[in-house]
Amino acid sequence: MGINSERDIEANMQIGPTDQGMVRLFIEADGVEIPMDFDPDEADEIAEEIRAAAIAARAVKPR
């Protein structure tokens, strides 16, 4: 399965700070919970990658 493989899976994602000063992405799907913690610098890098992907997606998707 790759980035372009479509899947019909419903998931919930929450993003927020932890009490340990980390940024947590918490994903829950089909009874599976995946907490992913990142230091703030890593979270900034991820946010930049998401913004870049959004820009690239707009260039591909016809409006």
C-alpha atoms as a PDB file:
ATOM      1  CA  MET A   1       0.000   0.000   0.000  1.00  0.00           C
ATOM      2  CA  GLY A   2       1.369   3.377  -0.964  1.00  0.00           C
ATOM      3  CA  ILE A   3       0.452   7.028  -0.661  1.00  0.00           C
ATOM      4  CA  ASN A   4      -1.784   6.803  -3.747  1.00  0.00           C
ATOM      5  CA  SER A   5      -3.595   3.613  -2.729  1.00  0.00           C
ATOM      6  CA  GLU A   6      -7.155   4.473  -1.732  1.00  0.00           C
ATOM      7  CA  ARG A   7      -8.645   2.718   1.284  1.00  0.00           C
ATOM      8  CA  ASP A   8     -12.165   2.830   2.657  1.00  0.00           C
ATOM      9  CA  ILE A   9     -11.225   3.190   6.325  1.00  0.00           C
ATOM     10  CA  GLU A  10     -12.766   5.708   8.669  1.00  0.00           C
ATOM     11  CA  ALA A  11     -10.449   7.175  11.282  1.00  0.00           C
ATOM     12  CA  ASN A  12     -10.442   9.879  13.921  1.00  0.00           C
ATOM     13  CA  MET A  13      -7.399  12.103  14.396  1.00  0.00           C
ATOM     14  CA  GLN A  14      -6.713  14.417  17.310  1.00  0.00           C
ATOM     15  CA  ILE A  15      -3.750  16.772  17.611  1.00  0.00           C
ATOM     16  CA  GLY A  16      -2.667  18.546  20.765  1.00  0.00           C
ATOM     17  CA  PRO A  17       0.044  19.210  23.316  1.00  0.00           C
ATOM     18  CA  THR A  18       0.892  16.697  26.031  1.00  0.00           C
ATOM     19  CA  ASP A  19       1.692  17.486  29.636  1.00  0.00           C
ATOM     20  CA  GLN A  20       5.296  16.497  28.809  1.00  0.00           C
ATOM     21  CA  GLY A  21       5.783  19.328  26.266  1.00  0.00           C
ATOM     22  CA  MET A  22       5.341  17.114  23.222  1.00  0.00           C
ATOM     23  CA  VAL A  23       2.883  17.386  20.346  1.00  0.00           C
ATOM     24  CA  ARG A  24       0.710  14.291  20.030  1.00  0.00           C
ATOM     25  CA  LEU A  25      -1.060  13.019  16.927  1.00  0.00           C
ATOM     26  CA  PHE A  26      -3.596  10.495  18.147  1.00  0.00           C
ATOM     27  CA  ILE A  27      -5.232   8.314  15.508  1.00  0.00           C
ATOM     28  CA  GLU A  28      -8.008   5.841  16.223  1.00  0.00           C
ATOM     29  CA  ALA A  29      -9.477   3.486  13.626  1.00  0.00           C
ATOM     30  CA  ASP A  30     -11.230   0.135  13.858  1.00  0.00           C
ATOM     31  CA  GLY A  31     -10.491  -0.097  17.590  1.00  0.00           C
ATOM     32  CA  VAL A  32      -6.770   0.548  17.125  1.00  0.00           C
ATOM     33  CA  GLU A  33      -5.268   3.595  18.851  1.00  0.00           C
ATOM     34  CA  ILE A  34      -1.985   5.064  17.613  1.00  0.00           C
ATOM     35  CA  PRO A  35      -0.429   7.851  19.709  1.00  0.00           C
ATOM     36  CA  MET A  36       2.533   9.536  18.031  1.00  0.00           C
ATOM     37  CA  ASP A  37       4.550  12.083  20.018  1.00  0.00           C
ATOM     38  CA  PHE A  38       6.861  14.667  18.462  1.00  0.00           C
ATOM     39  CA  ASP A  39       8.988  17.382  19.967  1.00  0.00           C
ATOM     40  CA  PRO A  40       7.857  20.881  18.926  1.00  0.00           C
ATOM     41  CA  ASP A  41      10.584  21.229  16.271  1.00  0.00           C
ATOM     42  CA  GLU A  42       9.577  17.930  14.672  1.00  0.00           C
ATOM     43  CA  ALA A  43       5.928  19.040  14.784  1.00  0.00           C
ATOM     44  CA  ASP A  44       6.869  22.268  12.963  1.00  0.00           C
ATOM     45  CA  GLU A  45       8.611  20.211  10.260  1.00  0.00           C
ATOM     46  CA  ILE A  46       5.545  17.980   9.883  1.00  0.00           C
ATOM     47  CA  ALA A  47       3.304  21.045   9.617  1.00  0.00           C
ATOM     48  CA  GLU A  48       5.546  22.425   6.852  1.00  0.00           C
ATOM     49  CA  GLU A  49       5.343  19.100   4.992  1.00  0.00           C
ATOM     50  CA  ILE A  50       1.545  19.121   5.276  1.00  0.00           C
ATOM     51  CA  ARG A  51       1.394  22.689   3.925  1.00  0.00           C
ATOM     52  CA  ALA A  52       3.689  21.752   1.015  1.00  0.00           C
ATOM     53  CA  ALA A  53       1.561  18.693   0.237  1.00  0.00           C
ATOM     54  CA  ALA A  54      -1.598  20.839   0.267  1.00  0.00           C
ATOM     55  CA  ILE A  55      -0.017  23.237  -2.231  1.00  0.00           C
ATOM     56  CA  ALA A  56       1.039  20.332  -4.464  1.00  0.00           C
ATOM     57  CA  ALA A  57      -2.423  18.742  -4.215  1.00  0.00           C
ATOM     58  CA  ARG A  58      -4.074  21.991  -5.305  1.00  0.00           C
ATOM     59  CA  ALA A  59      -1.850  22.020  -8.372  1.00  0.00           C
ATOM     60  CA  VAL A  60      -2.978  18.480  -9.314  1.00  0.00           C
ATOM     61  CA  LYS A  61      -6.674  18.544  -8.459  1.00  0.00           C
ATOM     62  CA  PRO A  62      -8.897  20.328 -10.988  1.00  0.00           C
ATOM     63  CA  ARG A  63     -11.307  22.816  -9.460  1.00  0.00           C
END
